[in-house]
Amino acid sequence: MKMLRAPVLMIGLLLCSQGFAATAQQNKMTTCNADATAKSLKGDERKAFMSTCLKAAPAANDDGKALTPQQEKMKTCNATAATQALKGDARKAFMSECLKKK
């Protein structure tokens, strides 16, 4: 009976950890939402932009390669900081906190 506990515990931990990880679609939604906010889109323009953005291929960098999750997070935090017009130390503090969040 004791030998059964460890595998069951490991399976339980794996299943629980998957619930906390953001999916690629959630990351894409966050990025598209930040981009729409940065462009100050509202109403039908925002809906059209979000639809196009979410249907688009994954974001890519200058080399044409897909962005890593960290790069996506950086892009989202940067767009949010831009919409809040943060500069100097306030921007550094915001970016630090934003990038630490999961």
N, C-alpha and C. Protein backbone atom coordinates (compact mmCIF):
# COMPACT_ATOMS: atom_id res chain seq x y z
N MET A 1 0.82 -1.19 0.00
CA MET A 1 0.00 0.00 0.00
C MET A 1 0.86 1.26 0.00
N LYS A 2 1.99 1.21 0.74
CA LYS A 2 2.86 2.38 0.78
C LYS A 2 3.51 2.64 -0.57
N MET A 3 3.76 1.61 -1.35
CA MET A 3 4.38 1.79 -2.66
C MET A 3 3.43 2.47 -3.63
N LEU A 4 2.15 2.39 -3.39
CA LEU A 4 1.15 3.00 -4.26
C LEU A 4 1.02 4.50 -4.00
N ARG A 5 1.38 4.96 -2.81
CA ARG A 5 1.23 6.37 -2.44
C ARG A 5 2.09 7.30 -3.31
N ALA A 6 3.34 6.96 -3.52
CA ALA A 6 4.24 7.83 -4.26
C ALA A 6 3.78 8.08 -5.70
N PRO A 7 3.45 7.03 -6.46
CA PRO A 7 2.98 7.29 -7.83
C PRO A 7 1.67 8.08 -7.87
N VAL A 8 0.78 7.80 -6.97
CA VAL A 8 -0.49 8.53 -6.92
C VAL A 8 -0.25 9.99 -6.57
N LEU A 9 0.65 10.24 -5.64
CA LEU A 9 1.00 11.61 -5.27
C LEU A 9 1.61 12.36 -6.44
N MET A 10 2.51 11.71 -7.17
CA MET A 10 3.15 12.35 -8.32
C MET A 10 2.14 12.68 -9.42
N ILE A 11 1.25 11.76 -9.69
CA ILE A 11 0.22 12.01 -10.70
C ILE A 11 -0.68 13.17 -10.28
N GLY A 12 -1.04 13.19 -9.02
CA GLY A 12 -1.85 14.29 -8.49
C GLY A 12 -1.16 15.63 -8.62
N LEU A 13 0.13 15.69 -8.32
CA LEU A 13 0.89 16.94 -8.45
C LEU A 13 0.97 17.40 -9.90
N LEU A 14 1.17 16.46 -10.81
CA LEU A 14 1.24 16.81 -12.23
C LEU A 14 -0.09 17.38 -12.73
N LEU A 15 -1.18 16.77 -12.32
CA LEU A 15 -2.49 17.25 -12.75
C LEU A 15 -2.79 18.63 -12.18
N CYS A 16 -2.41 18.87 -10.94
CA CYS A 16 -2.64 20.16 -10.31
C CYS A 16 -1.80 21.25 -10.95
N SER A 17 -0.56 20.96 -11.27
CA SER A 17 0.33 21.98 -11.83
C SER A 17 -0.11 22.41 -13.22
N GLN A 18 -0.75 21.54 -13.97
CA GLN A 18 -1.23 21.91 -15.30
C GLN A 18 -2.35 22.93 -15.23
N GLY A 19 -3.12 22.92 -14.16
CA GLY A 19 -4.21 23.87 -14.00
C GLY A 19 -3.73 25.29 -13.79
N PHE A 20 -2.50 25.48 -13.32
CA PHE A 20 -1.99 26.82 -13.03
C PHE A 20 -1.20 27.42 -14.19
N ALA A 21 -0.77 26.60 -15.11
CA ALA A 21 0.03 27.11 -16.23
C ALA A 21 -0.89 27.75 -17.27
N ALA A 22 -0.47 28.91 -17.77
CA ALA A 22 -1.24 29.58 -18.81
C ALA A 22 -1.03 28.85 -20.13
N THR A 23 -2.11 28.68 -20.86
CA THR A 23 -2.01 28.03 -22.15
C THR A 23 -1.53 29.03 -23.20
N ALA A 24 -1.15 28.53 -24.34
CA ALA A 24 -0.70 29.41 -25.43
C ALA A 24 -1.82 30.35 -25.84
N GLN A 25 -3.06 29.86 -25.85
CA GLN A 25 -4.21 30.70 -26.21
C GLN A 25 -4.41 31.81 -25.19
N GLN A 26 -4.23 31.51 -23.92
CA GLN A 26 -4.36 32.54 -22.89
C GLN A 26 -3.27 33.60 -23.04
N ASN A 27 -2.06 33.16 -23.33
CA ASN A 27 -0.96 34.11 -23.55
C ASN A 27 -1.23 34.98 -24.76
N LYS A 28 -1.77 34.38 -25.81
CA LYS A 28 -2.08 35.13 -27.03
C LYS A 28 -3.18 36.14 -26.75
N MET A 29 -4.19 35.75 -25.99
CA MET A 29 -5.29 36.64 -25.63
C MET A 29 -4.75 37.83 -24.84
N THR A 30 -3.86 37.57 -23.90
CA THR A 30 -3.27 38.64 -23.09
C THR A 30 -2.48 39.61 -23.97
N THR A 31 -1.70 39.07 -24.88
CA THR A 31 -0.90 39.91 -25.77
C THR A 31 -1.79 40.74 -26.70
N CYS A 32 -2.77 40.11 -27.30
CA CYS A 32 -3.69 40.83 -28.20
C CYS A 32 -4.45 41.91 -27.44
N ASN A 33 -4.88 41.60 -26.24
CA ASN A 33 -5.61 42.57 -25.42
C ASN A 33 -4.72 43.77 -25.08
N ALA A 34 -3.48 43.51 -24.73
CA ALA A 34 -2.55 44.60 -24.42
C ALA A 34 -2.29 45.45 -25.66
N ASP A 35 -2.15 44.81 -26.81
CA ASP A 35 -1.94 45.55 -28.06
C ASP A 35 -3.15 46.43 -28.40
N ALA A 36 -4.35 45.89 -28.22
CA ALA A 36 -5.57 46.66 -28.50
C ALA A 36 -5.68 47.84 -27.55
N THR A 37 -5.31 47.64 -26.29
CA THR A 37 -5.33 48.72 -25.31
C THR A 37 -4.29 49.78 -25.66
N ALA A 38 -3.11 49.34 -26.08
CA ALA A 38 -2.04 50.27 -26.45
C ALA A 38 -2.46 51.13 -27.64
N LYS A 39 -3.27 50.58 -28.53
CA LYS A 39 -3.74 51.32 -29.71
C LYS A 39 -5.02 52.11 -29.42
N SER A 40 -5.51 52.03 -28.18
CA SER A 40 -6.73 52.73 -27.74
C SER A 40 -7.93 52.38 -28.62
N LEU A 41 -8.07 51.13 -28.97
CA LEU A 41 -9.19 50.69 -29.79
C LEU A 41 -10.42 50.47 -28.92
N LYS A 42 -11.58 50.82 -29.47
CA LYS A 42 -12.84 50.65 -28.73
C LYS A 42 -13.92 50.13 -29.67
N GLY A 43 -14.92 49.51 -29.10
CA GLY A 43 -16.09 49.07 -29.85
C GLY A 43 -15.79 48.08 -30.95
N ASP A 44 -16.38 48.34 -32.13
CA ASP A 44 -16.24 47.42 -33.26
C ASP A 44 -14.80 47.32 -33.75
N GLU A 45 -14.05 48.41 -33.68
CA GLU A 45 -12.64 48.37 -34.09
C GLU A 45 -11.87 47.38 -33.23
N ARG A 46 -12.13 47.43 -31.92
CA ARG A 46 -11.44 46.53 -30.99
C ARG A 46 -11.82 45.08 -31.27
N LYS A 47 -13.12 44.84 -31.50
CA LYS A 47 -13.59 43.48 -31.78
C LYS A 47 -12.93 42.93 -33.04
N ALA A 48 -12.87 43.76 -34.07
CA ALA A 48 -12.25 43.32 -35.32
C ALA A 48 -10.76 43.05 -35.12
N PHE A 49 -10.08 43.94 -34.40
CA PHE A 49 -8.65 43.75 -34.14
C PHE A 49 -8.41 42.47 -33.35
N MET A 50 -9.19 42.26 -32.29
CA MET A 50 -9.02 41.07 -31.45
C MET A 50 -9.26 39.80 -32.27
N SER A 51 -10.27 39.80 -33.11
CA SER A 51 -10.57 38.64 -33.93
C SER A 51 -9.40 38.32 -34.86
N THR A 52 -8.89 39.35 -35.52
CA THR A 52 -7.77 39.16 -36.43
C THR A 52 -6.52 38.71 -35.68
N CYS A 53 -6.26 39.36 -34.56
CA CYS A 53 -5.08 39.05 -33.76
C CYS A 53 -5.11 37.61 -33.24
N LEU A 54 -6.25 37.17 -32.75
CA LEU A 54 -6.35 35.82 -32.19
C LEU A 54 -6.29 34.74 -33.27
N LYS A 55 -6.70 35.08 -34.49
CA LYS A 55 -6.64 34.11 -35.59
C LYS A 55 -5.25 34.05 -36.21
N ALA A 56 -4.46 35.07 -36.00
CA ALA A 56 -3.14 35.16 -36.62
C ALA A 56 -2.20 34.08 -36.08
N ALA A 57 -1.15 33.84 -36.84
CA ALA A 57 -0.13 32.89 -36.41
C ALA A 57 0.55 33.42 -35.15
N PRO A 58 1.23 32.57 -34.41
CA PRO A 58 1.92 33.03 -33.20
C PRO A 58 2.86 34.19 -33.51
N ALA A 59 2.99 35.06 -32.54
CA ALA A 59 3.87 36.21 -32.71
C ALA A 59 5.29 35.74 -32.99
N ALA A 60 5.99 36.51 -33.80
CA ALA A 60 7.36 36.14 -34.15
C ALA A 60 8.28 37.32 -33.93
N ASN A 61 9.54 37.02 -33.74
CA ASN A 61 10.53 38.09 -33.60
C ASN A 61 11.08 38.44 -34.98
N ASP A 62 12.12 39.23 -35.03
CA ASP A 62 12.68 39.69 -36.31
C ASP A 62 13.22 38.54 -37.17
N ASP A 63 13.62 37.44 -36.54
CA ASP A 63 14.16 36.31 -37.28
C ASP A 63 13.07 35.42 -37.86
N GLY A 64 11.81 35.71 -37.55
CA GLY A 64 10.71 34.89 -38.01
C GLY A 64 10.42 33.71 -37.11
N LYS A 65 11.13 33.62 -35.98
CA LYS A 65 10.91 32.54 -35.03
C LYS A 65 9.83 32.95 -34.05
N ALA A 66 9.09 31.96 -33.52
CA ALA A 66 8.05 32.24 -32.54
C ALA A 66 8.67 32.78 -31.26
N LEU A 67 7.94 33.68 -30.61
CA LEU A 67 8.42 34.26 -29.35
C LEU A 67 8.33 33.23 -28.23
N THR A 68 9.28 33.30 -27.32
CA THR A 68 9.25 32.43 -26.15
C THR A 68 8.23 33.01 -25.17
N PRO A 69 7.77 32.22 -24.21
CA PRO A 69 6.83 32.75 -23.22
C PRO A 69 7.38 33.99 -22.49
N GLN A 70 8.68 34.01 -22.21
CA GLN A 70 9.27 35.17 -21.54
C GLN A 70 9.22 36.40 -22.45
N GLN A 71 9.47 36.20 -23.74
CA GLN A 71 9.40 37.32 -24.69
C GLN A 71 7.98 37.84 -24.82
N GLU A 72 7.01 36.93 -24.81
CA GLU A 72 5.61 37.34 -24.87
C GLU A 72 5.24 38.15 -23.64
N LYS A 73 5.71 37.67 -22.47
CA LYS A 73 5.44 38.38 -21.22
C LYS A 73 6.05 39.78 -21.27
N MET A 74 7.28 39.87 -21.78
CA MET A 74 7.96 41.16 -21.89
C MET A 74 7.18 42.10 -22.81
N LYS A 75 6.69 41.56 -23.92
CA LYS A 75 5.92 42.37 -24.86
C LYS A 75 4.64 42.88 -24.21
N THR A 76 3.96 42.01 -23.49
CA THR A 76 2.71 42.40 -22.82
C THR A 76 2.97 43.46 -21.75
N CYS A 77 3.97 43.24 -20.92
CA CYS A 77 4.30 44.20 -19.86
C CYS A 77 4.72 45.54 -20.46
N ASN A 78 5.48 45.50 -21.53
CA ASN A 78 5.93 46.72 -22.19
C ASN A 78 4.74 47.50 -22.76
N ALA A 79 3.79 46.79 -23.38
CA ALA A 79 2.61 47.45 -23.92
C ALA A 79 1.77 48.07 -22.81
N THR A 80 1.64 47.37 -21.70
CA THR A 80 0.87 47.89 -20.57
C THR A 80 1.54 49.12 -19.99
N ALA A 81 2.86 49.08 -19.86
CA ALA A 81 3.60 50.24 -19.34
C ALA A 81 3.44 51.43 -20.28
N ALA A 82 3.39 51.18 -21.58
CA ALA A 82 3.23 52.25 -22.55
C ALA A 82 1.85 52.88 -22.43
N THR A 83 0.81 52.06 -22.22
CA THR A 83 -0.54 52.62 -22.09
C THR A 83 -0.68 53.45 -20.83
N GLN A 84 0.09 53.12 -19.80
CA GLN A 84 0.05 53.88 -18.56
C GLN A 84 1.02 55.06 -18.58
N ALA A 85 1.73 55.23 -19.69
CA ALA A 85 2.69 56.33 -19.88
C ALA A 85 3.71 56.40 -18.75
N LEU A 86 4.22 55.24 -18.34
CA LEU A 86 5.21 55.19 -17.27
C LEU A 86 6.60 55.52 -17.82
N LYS A 87 7.37 56.23 -17.03
CA LYS A 87 8.73 56.59 -17.44
C LYS A 87 9.66 56.48 -16.24
N GLY A 88 10.95 56.31 -16.51
CA GLY A 88 11.98 56.32 -15.47
C GLY A 88 11.82 55.22 -14.44
N ASP A 89 11.97 55.62 -13.17
CA ASP A 89 11.93 54.65 -12.07
C ASP A 89 10.57 53.98 -11.94
N ALA A 90 9.50 54.72 -12.22
CA ALA A 90 8.15 54.14 -12.14
C ALA A 90 8.01 52.99 -13.15
N ARG A 91 8.55 53.20 -14.36
CA ARG A 91 8.49 52.15 -15.39
C ARG A 91 9.33 50.94 -14.99
N LYS A 92 10.53 51.20 -14.45
CA LYS A 92 11.40 50.10 -14.02
C LYS A 92 10.71 49.26 -12.95
N ALA A 93 10.09 49.93 -11.98
CA ALA A 93 9.41 49.22 -10.89
C ALA A 93 8.23 48.42 -11.44
N PHE A 94 7.46 49.04 -12.35
CA PHE A 94 6.32 48.35 -12.92
C PHE A 94 6.77 47.11 -13.71
N MET A 95 7.79 47.28 -14.56
CA MET A 95 8.27 46.18 -15.38
C MET A 95 8.79 45.04 -14.50
N SER A 96 9.49 45.38 -13.44
CA SER A 96 10.01 44.37 -12.54
C SER A 96 8.87 43.54 -11.93
N GLU A 97 7.85 44.22 -11.44
CA GLU A 97 6.72 43.52 -10.82
C GLU A 97 5.93 42.71 -11.88
N CYS A 98 5.73 43.32 -13.02
CA CYS A 98 4.97 42.66 -14.08
C CYS A 98 5.67 41.38 -14.53
N LEU A 99 6.96 41.43 -14.71
CA LEU A 99 7.70 40.26 -15.20
C LEU A 99 7.83 39.17 -14.13
N LYS A 100 7.68 39.52 -12.87
CA LYS A 100 7.75 38.52 -11.79
C LYS A 100 6.46 37.73 -11.69
N LYS A 101 5.35 38.31 -12.13
CA LYS A 101 4.06 37.63 -12.05
C LYS A 101 4.04 36.43 -12.98
N LYS A 102 3.26 35.43 -12.58
CA LYS A 102 3.16 34.22 -13.40
C LYS A 102 1.97 34.30 -14.29
